[in-house]
C-alpha cells in the first residue's frame, strides 16, 4: 500500500478506511498516512515558518500530535483539513513565540526546497514592497494567505481548517487584499497592478 500511494494525497473512503484501522489499534498503518501527507505538510510549514530546519522539526511534531489525537478524529471534515488545522495551530504557536517580524518575512521568498510551478509562482509574487505589506499582516491573516495562495486550498477547505464561516472567510480575504494593496501603494508610490493580477487568480 505504501509504495502505490506515496507521493500524492488520498481522499474519501480510502483514507477514512486507513484511519479506522489506526483507531482500532493497527499502529503500523499510520506510516501510510505519514507517506501520503508528510511532504505537503512540510511545504506548508516552510511557508509559515520561512525556515527549512524549523519546518522539518515542525512536521515531525505535527505528525506526532496527529497520531496522538487520531482517536478523536471524526469525518465531519476531511482528514486533510483536520491535519492542516493541527499544523496551522502548531506553526502559529511557534511564530508567536518568536515575536520578531523579520523571522516571518522569509516565507514569501523563493525557497530552494520548492520546485517547478510553485517556485515560479513565488518569484512572480515576491517583491520588496509585497514583502513589507505581508509583514504588516497579523499571523492569522498570513495563515489565510498562505493556505489560499501557496497551498491552493479551496474556500470550503480553508473554512473547515480554520473553522471560519465561509461568508466571513470571503470578507476576511477581501480585507487582506485591501490591506496589502494599500500598503504597497503607499510604499514609495508603488502600484499594486502586476501583483494583484497574479494574486487575484488565487484569492
N, C-alpha and C. Protein backbone atom coordinates (compact mmCIF):
# COMPACT_ATOMS: atom_id res chain seq x y z
N UNK A 1 0.83 -1.21 0.00
CA UNK A 1 0.00 0.00 0.00
C UNK A 1 0.86 1.25 0.00
N UNK A 2 1.92 1.27 0.84
CA UNK A 2 2.76 2.46 0.93
C UNK A 2 3.41 2.80 -0.40
N UNK A 3 3.87 1.79 -1.12
CA UNK A 3 4.56 2.04 -2.37
C UNK A 3 3.65 2.62 -3.42
N UNK A 4 2.41 2.20 -3.44
CA UNK A 4 1.50 2.65 -4.50
C UNK A 4 0.91 4.01 -4.22
N UNK A 5 0.88 4.43 -2.93
CA UNK A 5 0.22 5.68 -2.60
C UNK A 5 1.18 6.81 -2.29
N UNK A 6 2.46 6.52 -2.11
CA UNK A 6 3.40 7.55 -1.76
C UNK A 6 3.48 8.59 -2.86
N UNK A 7 3.45 9.87 -2.46
CA UNK A 7 3.63 10.94 -3.45
C UNK A 7 2.37 11.69 -3.79
N UNK A 8 1.21 11.22 -3.34
CA UNK A 8 0.01 12.00 -3.56
C UNK A 8 -0.93 11.84 -2.37
N UNK A 9 -1.81 12.82 -2.21
CA UNK A 9 -2.72 12.81 -1.07
C UNK A 9 -4.00 12.07 -1.43
N UNK A 10 -4.34 11.00 -0.72
CA UNK A 10 -5.59 10.30 -0.96
C UNK A 10 -6.74 11.02 -0.26
N UNK A 11 -7.93 10.76 -0.69
CA UNK A 11 -9.10 11.36 -0.04
C UNK A 11 -10.22 10.33 0.02
N UNK A 12 -11.32 10.74 0.64
CA UNK A 12 -12.53 9.93 0.63
C UNK A 12 -12.41 8.64 1.39
N UNK A 13 -13.06 7.61 0.87
CA UNK A 13 -13.18 6.33 1.55
C UNK A 13 -11.82 5.68 1.80
N UNK A 14 -10.88 5.92 0.91
CA UNK A 14 -9.57 5.29 1.02
C UNK A 14 -8.87 5.71 2.31
N UNK A 15 -8.75 7.01 2.53
CA UNK A 15 -8.06 7.50 3.72
C UNK A 15 -8.88 7.21 4.97
N UNK A 16 -10.19 7.32 4.89
CA UNK A 16 -11.02 7.04 6.06
C UNK A 16 -10.86 5.59 6.51
N UNK A 17 -10.73 4.67 5.56
CA UNK A 17 -10.56 3.26 5.90
C UNK A 17 -9.26 3.03 6.65
N UNK A 18 -8.20 3.72 6.23
CA UNK A 18 -6.91 3.59 6.92
C UNK A 18 -7.00 4.17 8.32
N UNK A 19 -7.66 5.31 8.47
CA UNK A 19 -7.79 5.95 9.78
C UNK A 19 -8.54 5.05 10.75
N UNK A 20 -9.58 4.41 10.27
CA UNK A 20 -10.33 3.49 11.13
C UNK A 20 -9.42 2.37 11.64
N UNK A 21 -8.57 1.87 10.76
CA UNK A 21 -7.65 0.79 11.17
C UNK A 21 -6.68 1.29 12.23
N UNK A 22 -6.18 2.53 12.07
CA UNK A 22 -5.29 3.10 13.08
C UNK A 22 -6.03 3.28 14.39
N UNK A 23 -7.25 3.78 14.31
CA UNK A 23 -8.04 3.99 15.52
C UNK A 23 -8.34 2.68 16.24
N UNK A 24 -8.39 1.60 15.49
CA UNK A 24 -8.67 0.29 16.08
C UNK A 24 -7.42 -0.40 16.61
N UNK A 25 -6.27 0.29 16.50
CA UNK A 25 -5.05 -0.25 17.10
C UNK A 25 -3.99 -0.74 16.14
N UNK A 26 -4.25 -0.67 14.83
CA UNK A 26 -3.23 -1.09 13.85
C UNK A 26 -2.26 0.07 13.63
N UNK A 27 -1.34 0.25 14.58
CA UNK A 27 -0.45 1.40 14.59
C UNK A 27 0.42 1.49 13.33
N UNK A 28 0.76 0.33 12.79
CA UNK A 28 1.64 0.34 11.62
C UNK A 28 1.01 1.03 10.42
N UNK A 29 -0.31 1.13 10.39
CA UNK A 29 -0.99 1.78 9.26
C UNK A 29 -0.75 3.29 9.24
N UNK A 30 -0.32 3.84 10.37
CA UNK A 30 -0.08 5.28 10.41
C UNK A 30 1.09 5.67 9.50
N UNK A 31 1.99 4.73 9.23
CA UNK A 31 3.10 5.03 8.31
C UNK A 31 2.59 5.37 6.93
N UNK A 32 1.46 4.81 6.54
CA UNK A 32 0.82 5.14 5.26
C UNK A 32 0.40 6.60 5.23
N UNK A 33 -0.16 7.06 6.36
CA UNK A 33 -0.56 8.46 6.47
C UNK A 33 0.65 9.37 6.40
N UNK A 34 1.74 8.97 7.07
CA UNK A 34 2.98 9.75 7.02
C UNK A 34 3.47 9.88 5.58
N UNK A 35 3.51 8.77 4.85
CA UNK A 35 3.96 8.79 3.46
C UNK A 35 3.12 9.73 2.61
N UNK A 36 1.82 9.71 2.83
CA UNK A 36 0.90 10.47 1.98
C UNK A 36 0.92 11.97 2.28
N UNK A 37 1.08 12.33 3.56
CA UNK A 37 0.88 13.72 3.96
C UNK A 37 2.13 14.46 4.39
N UNK A 38 3.24 13.78 4.58
CA UNK A 38 4.43 14.43 5.13
C UNK A 38 4.92 15.57 4.25
N UNK A 39 5.00 15.36 2.94
CA UNK A 39 5.54 16.39 2.06
C UNK A 39 4.65 17.65 1.98
N UNK A 40 3.34 17.52 1.76
CA UNK A 40 2.53 18.74 1.73
C UNK A 40 2.50 19.49 3.05
N UNK A 41 2.52 18.77 4.18
CA UNK A 41 2.55 19.46 5.47
C UNK A 41 3.90 20.13 5.69
N UNK A 42 4.97 19.49 5.25
CA UNK A 42 6.30 20.10 5.33
C UNK A 42 6.34 21.39 4.51
N UNK A 43 5.79 21.35 3.30
CA UNK A 43 5.76 22.54 2.44
C UNK A 43 4.99 23.67 3.11
N UNK A 44 3.85 23.33 3.70
CA UNK A 44 3.05 24.33 4.39
C UNK A 44 3.82 24.93 5.57
N UNK A 45 4.49 24.10 6.35
CA UNK A 45 5.28 24.59 7.48
C UNK A 45 6.42 25.48 7.01
N UNK A 46 7.02 25.15 5.87
CA UNK A 46 8.07 26.01 5.29
C UNK A 46 7.50 27.39 5.00
N UNK A 47 6.32 27.44 4.41
CA UNK A 47 5.69 28.71 4.07
C UNK A 47 5.41 29.53 5.33
N UNK A 48 4.92 28.86 6.35
CA UNK A 48 4.55 29.56 7.56
C UNK A 48 5.76 30.00 8.37
N UNK A 49 6.78 29.15 8.46
CA UNK A 49 7.92 29.42 9.33
C UNK A 49 9.09 30.06 8.60
N UNK A 50 9.14 29.92 7.27
CA UNK A 50 10.19 30.54 6.48
C UNK A 50 11.57 29.97 6.73
N UNK A 51 11.64 28.74 7.20
CA UNK A 51 12.91 28.17 7.63
C UNK A 51 12.82 26.65 7.49
N UNK A 52 13.68 26.07 6.67
CA UNK A 52 13.56 24.64 6.40
C UNK A 52 13.84 23.78 7.63
N UNK A 53 14.80 24.19 8.46
CA UNK A 53 15.11 23.41 9.65
C UNK A 53 13.94 23.41 10.62
N UNK A 54 13.36 24.61 10.84
CA UNK A 54 12.19 24.70 11.72
C UNK A 54 11.03 23.89 11.15
N UNK A 55 10.89 23.92 9.81
CA UNK A 55 9.80 23.18 9.17
C UNK A 55 9.98 21.68 9.34
N UNK A 56 11.22 21.21 9.24
CA UNK A 56 11.48 19.78 9.43
C UNK A 56 11.10 19.34 10.84
N UNK A 57 11.47 20.17 11.82
CA UNK A 57 11.10 19.85 13.20
C UNK A 57 9.58 19.92 13.39
N UNK A 58 8.98 20.95 12.80
CA UNK A 58 7.55 21.16 12.97
C UNK A 58 6.73 20.02 12.38
N UNK A 59 7.10 19.55 11.19
CA UNK A 59 6.29 18.50 10.56
C UNK A 59 6.33 17.22 11.39
N UNK A 60 7.47 16.95 12.02
CA UNK A 60 7.54 15.78 12.88
C UNK A 60 6.63 15.95 14.10
N UNK A 61 6.64 17.15 14.68
CA UNK A 61 5.78 17.42 15.83
C UNK A 61 4.31 17.32 15.44
N UNK A 62 3.97 17.83 14.26
CA UNK A 62 2.59 17.81 13.79
C UNK A 62 2.11 16.37 13.61
N UNK A 63 2.94 15.54 13.01
CA UNK A 63 2.54 14.15 12.77
C UNK A 63 2.42 13.38 14.09
N UNK A 64 3.28 13.69 15.05
CA UNK A 64 3.16 13.06 16.36
C UNK A 64 1.85 13.47 17.03
N UNK A 65 1.53 14.77 16.96
CA UNK A 65 0.28 15.26 17.52
C UNK A 65 -0.92 14.60 16.84
N UNK A 66 -0.82 14.44 15.52
CA UNK A 66 -1.92 13.81 14.78
C UNK A 66 -2.11 12.36 15.23
N UNK A 67 -1.01 11.66 15.40
CA UNK A 67 -1.10 10.27 15.85
C UNK A 67 -1.71 10.18 17.24
N UNK A 68 -1.28 11.08 18.12
CA UNK A 68 -1.78 11.07 19.49
C UNK A 68 -3.26 11.43 19.57
N UNK A 69 -3.73 12.21 18.58
CA UNK A 69 -5.11 12.71 18.63
C UNK A 69 -6.05 11.97 17.70
N UNK A 70 -5.53 10.99 16.94
CA UNK A 70 -6.32 10.44 15.84
C UNK A 70 -7.56 9.68 16.32
N UNK A 71 -7.56 9.20 17.55
CA UNK A 71 -8.76 8.51 18.05
C UNK A 71 -9.93 9.47 18.17
N UNK A 72 -9.63 10.76 18.29
CA UNK A 72 -10.69 11.75 18.40
C UNK A 72 -11.14 12.31 17.05
N UNK A 73 -10.47 11.87 15.96
CA UNK A 73 -10.87 12.36 14.65
C UNK A 73 -12.21 11.77 14.23
N UNK A 74 -13.08 12.63 13.72
CA UNK A 74 -14.36 12.19 13.16
C UNK A 74 -14.50 12.82 11.78
N UNK A 75 -15.04 12.06 10.82
CA UNK A 75 -15.09 12.55 9.43
C UNK A 75 -16.12 13.64 9.18
N UNK A 76 -16.30 14.55 10.15
CA UNK A 76 -17.18 15.70 9.92
C UNK A 76 -16.51 16.67 8.95
N UNK A 77 -15.17 16.68 8.97
CA UNK A 77 -14.38 17.42 7.97
C UNK A 77 -13.42 16.43 7.34
N UNK A 78 -12.80 16.82 6.24
CA UNK A 78 -11.85 15.91 5.61
C UNK A 78 -10.63 15.74 6.51
N UNK A 79 -9.97 14.60 6.39
CA UNK A 79 -8.77 14.37 7.19
C UNK A 79 -7.70 15.40 6.85
N UNK A 80 -7.63 15.78 5.58
CA UNK A 80 -6.65 16.80 5.16
C UNK A 80 -6.88 18.10 5.92
N UNK A 81 -8.14 18.54 6.01
CA UNK A 81 -8.44 19.78 6.74
C UNK A 81 -8.10 19.63 8.21
N UNK A 82 -8.40 18.48 8.80
CA UNK A 82 -8.09 18.21 10.20
C UNK A 82 -6.59 18.31 10.45
N UNK A 83 -5.79 17.74 9.53
CA UNK A 83 -4.34 17.74 9.68
C UNK A 83 -3.77 19.14 9.48
N UNK A 84 -4.29 19.88 8.49
CA UNK A 84 -3.82 21.25 8.29
C UNK A 84 -4.16 22.12 9.50
N UNK A 85 -5.27 21.84 10.16
CA UNK A 85 -5.64 22.61 11.35
C UNK A 85 -4.61 22.40 12.45
N UNK A 86 -4.19 21.15 12.65
CA UNK A 86 -3.15 20.86 13.65
C UNK A 86 -1.85 21.57 13.26
N UNK A 87 -1.48 21.48 11.99
CA UNK A 87 -0.24 22.11 11.53
C UNK A 87 -0.30 23.63 11.68
N UNK A 88 -1.44 24.20 11.33
CA UNK A 88 -1.59 25.65 11.43
C UNK A 88 -1.48 26.13 12.87
N UNK A 89 -2.15 25.47 13.77
CA UNK A 89 -2.08 25.85 15.18
C UNK A 89 -0.66 25.72 15.72
N UNK A 90 0.02 24.66 15.31
CA UNK A 90 1.40 24.45 15.76
C UNK A 90 2.32 25.57 15.24
N UNK A 91 2.20 25.89 13.97
CA UNK A 91 3.05 26.93 13.38
C UNK A 91 2.75 28.30 13.99
N UNK A 92 1.48 28.60 14.19
CA UNK A 92 1.13 29.88 14.78
C UNK A 92 1.68 30.01 16.20
N UNK A 93 1.67 28.93 16.94
CA UNK A 93 2.24 28.96 18.29
C UNK A 93 3.75 29.23 18.23
N UNK A 94 4.43 28.60 17.27
CA UNK A 94 5.86 28.85 17.12
C UNK A 94 6.14 30.29 16.72
N UNK A 95 5.34 30.81 15.81
CA UNK A 95 5.55 32.18 15.36
C UNK A 95 5.28 33.18 16.48
N UNK A 96 4.29 32.91 17.29
CA UNK A 96 4.01 33.81 18.41
C UNK A 96 5.16 33.82 19.41
N UNK A 97 5.84 32.69 19.53
CA UNK A 97 6.97 32.62 20.43
C UNK A 97 8.15 33.44 19.91
N UNK A 98 8.28 33.56 18.64
CA UNK A 98 9.39 34.32 18.07
C UNK A 98 9.24 35.82 18.31
N UNK A 99 8.05 36.34 18.01
CA UNK A 99 7.75 37.75 18.23
C UNK A 99 8.70 38.69 17.50
N UNK A 100 9.28 38.26 16.42
CA UNK A 100 10.15 39.15 15.67
C UNK A 100 9.73 39.08 14.20
N UNK A 101 9.21 40.18 13.69
CA UNK A 101 8.67 40.19 12.34
C UNK A 101 9.69 39.74 11.29
N UNK A 102 10.94 40.08 11.48
CA UNK A 102 11.94 39.72 10.47
C UNK A 102 12.03 38.24 10.21
N UNK A 103 11.72 37.42 11.23
CA UNK A 103 11.76 35.98 11.05
C UNK A 103 10.64 35.48 10.16
N UNK A 104 9.55 36.24 10.07
CA UNK A 104 8.38 35.77 9.34
C UNK A 104 8.47 36.07 7.84
N UNK A 105 9.21 37.11 7.47
CA UNK A 105 9.14 37.60 6.11
C UNK A 105 9.72 36.64 5.08
N UNK A 106 10.56 35.70 5.53
CA UNK A 106 11.19 34.79 4.59
C UNK A 106 10.19 33.87 3.89
N UNK A 107 9.00 33.74 4.42
CA UNK A 107 8.06 32.78 3.84
C UNK A 107 7.65 33.14 2.42
N UNK A 108 7.79 34.42 2.02
CA UNK A 108 7.42 34.81 0.66
C UNK A 108 8.61 34.90 -0.27
N UNK A 109 9.80 34.50 0.20
CA UNK A 109 10.96 34.44 -0.70
C UNK A 109 10.99 33.06 -1.36
N UNK A 110 11.42 32.98 -2.61
CA UNK A 110 11.54 31.67 -3.25
C UNK A 110 12.45 30.76 -2.44
N UNK A 111 11.99 29.52 -2.19
CA UNK A 111 12.77 28.57 -1.40
C UNK A 111 13.33 27.49 -2.29
N UNK A 112 14.58 27.09 -2.03
CA UNK A 112 15.24 26.08 -2.86
C UNK A 112 14.53 24.74 -2.77
N UNK A 113 13.78 24.51 -1.68
CA UNK A 113 13.11 23.23 -1.50
C UNK A 113 11.82 23.13 -2.30
N UNK A 114 11.38 24.24 -2.89
CA UNK A 114 10.14 24.24 -3.67
C UNK A 114 10.50 24.37 -5.14
N UNK A 115 10.03 23.46 -5.95
CA UNK A 115 10.46 23.42 -7.34
C UNK A 115 9.29 23.65 -8.28
N UNK A 116 9.64 23.84 -9.55
CA UNK A 116 8.64 23.88 -10.61
C UNK A 116 7.68 25.04 -10.50
N UNK A 117 6.40 24.79 -10.80
CA UNK A 117 5.40 25.86 -10.84
C UNK A 117 5.29 26.63 -9.53
N UNK A 118 5.48 25.95 -8.39
CA UNK A 118 5.39 26.64 -7.12
C UNK A 118 6.48 27.69 -6.99
N UNK A 119 7.71 27.35 -7.41
CA UNK A 119 8.80 28.29 -7.33
C UNK A 119 8.57 29.46 -8.27
N UNK A 120 8.04 29.17 -9.45
CA UNK A 120 7.74 30.24 -10.39
C UNK A 120 6.69 31.19 -9.82
N UNK A 121 5.69 30.63 -9.14
CA UNK A 121 4.66 31.48 -8.52
C UNK A 121 5.30 32.36 -7.45
N UNK A 122 6.19 31.79 -6.64
CA UNK A 122 6.89 32.57 -5.62
C UNK A 122 7.59 33.77 -6.26
N UNK A 123 8.31 33.50 -7.34
CA UNK A 123 9.10 34.55 -7.98
C UNK A 123 8.21 35.63 -8.58
N UNK A 124 7.05 35.25 -9.08
CA UNK A 124 6.12 36.23 -9.62
C UNK A 124 5.47 37.05 -8.51
N UNK A 125 5.25 36.40 -7.35
CA UNK A 125 4.58 37.09 -6.26
C UNK A 125 5.52 37.97 -5.45
N UNK A 126 6.78 37.57 -5.33
CA UNK A 126 7.67 38.23 -4.39
C UNK A 126 8.19 39.56 -4.93
N UNK A 127 8.20 40.56 -4.07
CA UNK A 127 8.86 41.83 -4.32
C UNK A 127 9.08 42.46 -2.96
N UNK A 128 10.06 43.38 -2.84
CA UNK A 128 10.28 44.03 -1.53
C UNK A 128 9.04 44.72 -1.01
N UNK A 129 8.27 45.36 -1.91
CA UNK A 129 7.07 46.06 -1.46
C UNK A 129 6.02 45.08 -0.94
N UNK A 130 5.87 43.95 -1.65
CA UNK A 130 4.91 42.94 -1.19
C UNK A 130 5.37 42.34 0.13
N UNK A 131 6.68 42.11 0.26
CA UNK A 131 7.22 41.57 1.50
C UNK A 131 6.86 42.48 2.68
N UNK A 132 7.01 43.78 2.48
CA UNK A 132 6.70 44.72 3.55
C UNK A 132 5.21 44.69 3.87
N UNK A 133 4.39 44.59 2.85
CA UNK A 133 2.94 44.54 3.05
C UNK A 133 2.54 43.28 3.81
N UNK A 134 3.14 42.15 3.44
CA UNK A 134 2.83 40.89 4.12
C UNK A 134 3.28 40.97 5.58
N UNK A 135 4.41 41.64 5.82
CA UNK A 135 4.93 41.76 7.17
C UNK A 135 4.01 42.52 8.11
N UNK A 136 3.10 43.30 7.56
CA UNK A 136 2.16 44.06 8.38
C UNK A 136 0.86 43.31 8.64
N UNK A 137 0.73 42.13 8.07
CA UNK A 137 -0.45 41.31 8.36
C UNK A 137 -0.30 40.63 9.71
N UNK A 138 -1.40 40.33 10.34
CA UNK A 138 -1.36 39.53 11.55
C UNK A 138 -0.99 38.09 11.18
N UNK A 139 -0.60 37.30 12.16
CA UNK A 139 -0.25 35.90 11.89
C UNK A 139 -1.44 35.15 11.30
N UNK A 140 -2.63 35.42 11.81
CA UNK A 140 -3.82 34.74 11.30
C UNK A 140 -4.10 35.13 9.85
N UNK A 141 -3.91 36.42 9.52
CA UNK A 141 -4.11 36.87 8.14
C UNK A 141 -3.08 36.22 7.22
N UNK A 142 -1.86 36.12 7.69
CA UNK A 142 -0.81 35.49 6.90
C UNK A 142 -1.13 34.02 6.66
N UNK A 143 -1.66 33.36 7.67
CA UNK A 143 -2.04 31.96 7.52
C UNK A 143 -3.11 31.79 6.45
N UNK A 144 -4.09 32.66 6.43
CA UNK A 144 -5.12 32.63 5.40
C UNK A 144 -4.50 32.77 4.02
N UNK A 145 -3.58 33.73 3.89
CA UNK A 145 -2.97 33.98 2.60
C UNK A 145 -2.13 32.80 2.13
N UNK A 146 -1.38 32.20 3.04
CA UNK A 146 -0.56 31.03 2.69
C UNK A 146 -1.44 29.87 2.24
N UNK A 147 -2.51 29.61 2.99
CA UNK A 147 -3.40 28.50 2.63
C UNK A 147 -4.02 28.71 1.26
N UNK A 148 -4.43 29.94 0.97
CA UNK A 148 -5.14 30.20 -0.29
C UNK A 148 -4.19 30.31 -1.47
N UNK A 149 -3.11 31.09 -1.33
CA UNK A 149 -2.23 31.36 -2.47
C UNK A 149 -1.25 30.23 -2.73
N UNK A 150 -0.55 29.78 -1.67
CA UNK A 150 0.51 28.79 -1.87
C UNK A 150 0.04 27.35 -1.76
N UNK A 151 -0.82 27.08 -0.81
CA UNK A 151 -1.33 25.72 -0.67
C UNK A 151 -2.51 25.45 -1.60
N UNK A 152 -3.04 26.51 -2.22
CA UNK A 152 -4.12 26.41 -3.20
C UNK A 152 -5.34 25.68 -2.64
N UNK A 153 -5.63 25.93 -1.37
CA UNK A 153 -6.81 25.34 -0.75
C UNK A 153 -8.06 26.09 -1.22
N UNK A 154 -9.15 25.36 -1.37
CA UNK A 154 -10.42 25.98 -1.74
C UNK A 154 -11.00 26.70 -0.53
N UNK A 155 -11.95 27.61 -0.77
CA UNK A 155 -12.59 28.30 0.35
C UNK A 155 -13.31 27.32 1.29
N UNK A 156 -14.02 26.32 0.78
CA UNK A 156 -14.64 25.36 1.71
C UNK A 156 -13.61 24.63 2.57
N UNK A 157 -12.46 24.28 1.96
CA UNK A 157 -11.43 23.58 2.72
C UNK A 157 -10.82 24.49 3.78
N UNK A 158 -10.54 25.76 3.42
CA UNK A 158 -10.00 26.71 4.40
C UNK A 158 -11.01 26.93 5.51
N UNK A 159 -12.28 27.00 5.16
CA UNK A 159 -13.34 27.16 6.15
C UNK A 159 -13.30 26.02 7.16
N UNK A 160 -13.09 24.80 6.67
CA UNK A 160 -13.01 23.63 7.55
C UNK A 160 -11.73 23.65 8.39
N UNK A 161 -10.62 24.06 7.79
CA UNK A 161 -9.34 24.09 8.50
C UNK A 161 -9.37 25.08 9.65
N UNK A 162 -9.87 26.28 9.37
CA UNK A 162 -9.82 27.36 10.34
C UNK A 162 -11.10 27.51 11.14
N UNK A 163 -12.11 26.72 10.79
CA UNK A 163 -13.41 26.79 11.48
C UNK A 163 -13.99 28.20 11.40
N UNK A 164 -13.96 28.75 10.19
CA UNK A 164 -14.48 30.08 9.93
C UNK A 164 -15.66 29.96 8.98
N UNK A 165 -16.73 30.67 9.26
CA UNK A 165 -17.90 30.69 8.38
C UNK A 165 -17.47 31.12 6.98
N UNK A 166 -17.92 30.42 5.92
CA UNK A 166 -17.49 30.78 4.56
C UNK A 166 -17.72 32.24 4.20
N UNK A 167 -18.86 32.80 4.59
CA UNK A 167 -19.11 34.22 4.29
C UNK A 167 -18.12 35.12 4.99
N UNK A 168 -17.83 34.82 6.25
CA UNK A 168 -16.85 35.60 7.00
C UNK A 168 -15.46 35.44 6.39
N UNK A 169 -15.17 34.23 5.89
CA UNK A 169 -13.87 33.96 5.28
C UNK A 169 -13.66 34.83 4.05
N UNK A 170 -14.66 34.91 3.19
CA UNK A 170 -14.56 35.76 2.00
C UNK A 170 -14.32 37.21 2.38
N UNK A 171 -15.00 37.67 3.42
CA UNK A 171 -14.83 39.06 3.85
C UNK A 171 -13.43 39.30 4.38
N UNK A 172 -12.90 38.33 5.12
CA UNK A 172 -11.53 38.46 5.63
C UNK A 172 -10.52 38.51 4.50
N UNK A 173 -10.73 37.68 3.48
CA UNK A 173 -9.80 37.68 2.35
C UNK A 173 -9.83 39.00 1.61
N UNK A 174 -11.01 39.58 1.50
CA UNK A 174 -11.12 40.88 0.85
C UNK A 174 -10.38 41.94 1.66
N UNK A 175 -10.48 41.88 2.99
CA UNK A 175 -9.77 42.84 3.83
C UNK A 175 -8.26 42.66 3.71
N UNK A 176 -7.80 41.42 3.60
CA UNK A 176 -6.38 41.15 3.44
C UNK A 176 -5.88 41.75 2.12
N UNK A 177 -6.63 41.51 1.05
CA UNK A 177 -6.25 42.07 -0.25
C UNK A 177 -6.16 43.59 -0.18
N UNK A 178 -7.17 44.20 0.47
CA UNK A 178 -7.20 45.66 0.56
C UNK A 178 -6.01 46.18 1.38
N UNK A 179 -5.70 45.50 2.49
CA UNK A 179 -4.60 45.92 3.33
C UNK A 179 -3.26 45.83 2.59
N UNK A 180 -3.06 44.72 1.87
CA UNK A 180 -1.82 44.56 1.11
C UNK A 180 -1.73 45.61 0.00
N UNK A 181 -2.84 45.84 -0.69
CA UNK A 181 -2.88 46.81 -1.78
C UNK A 181 -2.53 48.22 -1.26
N UNK A 182 -3.14 48.61 -0.16
CA UNK A 182 -2.93 49.96 0.37
C UNK A 182 -1.49 50.15 0.84
N UNK A 183 -0.92 49.11 1.46
CA UNK A 183 0.47 49.21 1.92
C UNK A 183 1.42 49.34 0.75
N UNK A 184 1.19 48.56 -0.30
CA UNK A 184 2.08 48.61 -1.46
C UNK A 184 1.97 49.95 -2.19
N UNK A 185 0.77 50.48 -2.28
CA UNK A 185 0.59 51.76 -2.96
C UNK A 185 1.23 52.89 -2.18
N UNK A 186 1.24 52.78 -0.85
CA UNK A 186 1.85 53.81 -0.01
C UNK A 186 3.37 53.72 0.01
N UNK A 187 3.90 52.56 -0.33
CA UNK A 187 5.34 52.34 -0.30
C UNK A 187 5.99 52.95 -1.53
N UNK A 188 6.41 54.17 -1.41
CA UNK A 188 7.11 54.90 -2.48
C UNK A 188 6.27 54.97 -3.75
N UNK A 189 4.95 55.01 -3.58
CA UNK A 189 4.07 55.18 -4.73
C UNK A 189 3.99 53.97 -5.63
N UNK A 190 4.38 52.80 -5.12
CA UNK A 190 4.36 51.58 -5.94
C UNK A 190 2.92 51.16 -6.18
N UNK A 191 2.60 50.85 -7.41
CA UNK A 191 1.25 50.41 -7.76
C UNK A 191 1.10 48.92 -7.53
N UNK A 192 -0.09 48.52 -7.18
CA UNK A 192 -0.42 47.10 -6.95
C UNK A 192 -0.41 46.32 -8.25
N UNK A 193 -0.98 46.87 -9.28
CA UNK A 193 -1.20 46.30 -10.61
C UNK A 193 -0.74 44.86 -10.85
N UNK A 194 0.54 44.65 -11.17
CA UNK A 194 1.02 43.33 -11.58
C UNK A 194 0.84 42.28 -10.51
N UNK A 195 1.10 42.65 -9.24
CA UNK A 195 0.93 41.69 -8.17
C UNK A 195 -0.52 41.29 -8.02
N UNK A 196 -1.42 42.24 -8.17
CA UNK A 196 -2.84 41.94 -7.98
C UNK A 196 -3.31 40.96 -9.04
N UNK A 197 -2.82 41.11 -10.27
CA UNK A 197 -3.28 40.24 -11.35
C UNK A 197 -2.92 38.79 -11.06
N UNK A 198 -1.78 38.56 -10.38
CA UNK A 198 -1.40 37.19 -10.01
C UNK A 198 -2.22 36.71 -8.83
N UNK A 199 -2.31 37.54 -7.79
CA UNK A 199 -2.95 37.10 -6.57
C UNK A 199 -4.46 37.01 -6.71
N UNK A 200 -5.03 37.84 -7.57
CA UNK A 200 -6.49 37.82 -7.71
C UNK A 200 -6.98 36.52 -8.31
N UNK A 201 -6.10 35.79 -8.98
CA UNK A 201 -6.49 34.49 -9.53
C UNK A 201 -6.56 33.42 -8.45
N UNK A 202 -5.96 33.73 -7.28
CA UNK A 202 -5.90 32.75 -6.19
C UNK A 202 -6.83 33.11 -5.06
N UNK A 203 -7.02 34.40 -4.81
CA UNK A 203 -7.77 34.84 -3.65
C UNK A 203 -9.23 35.09 -3.99
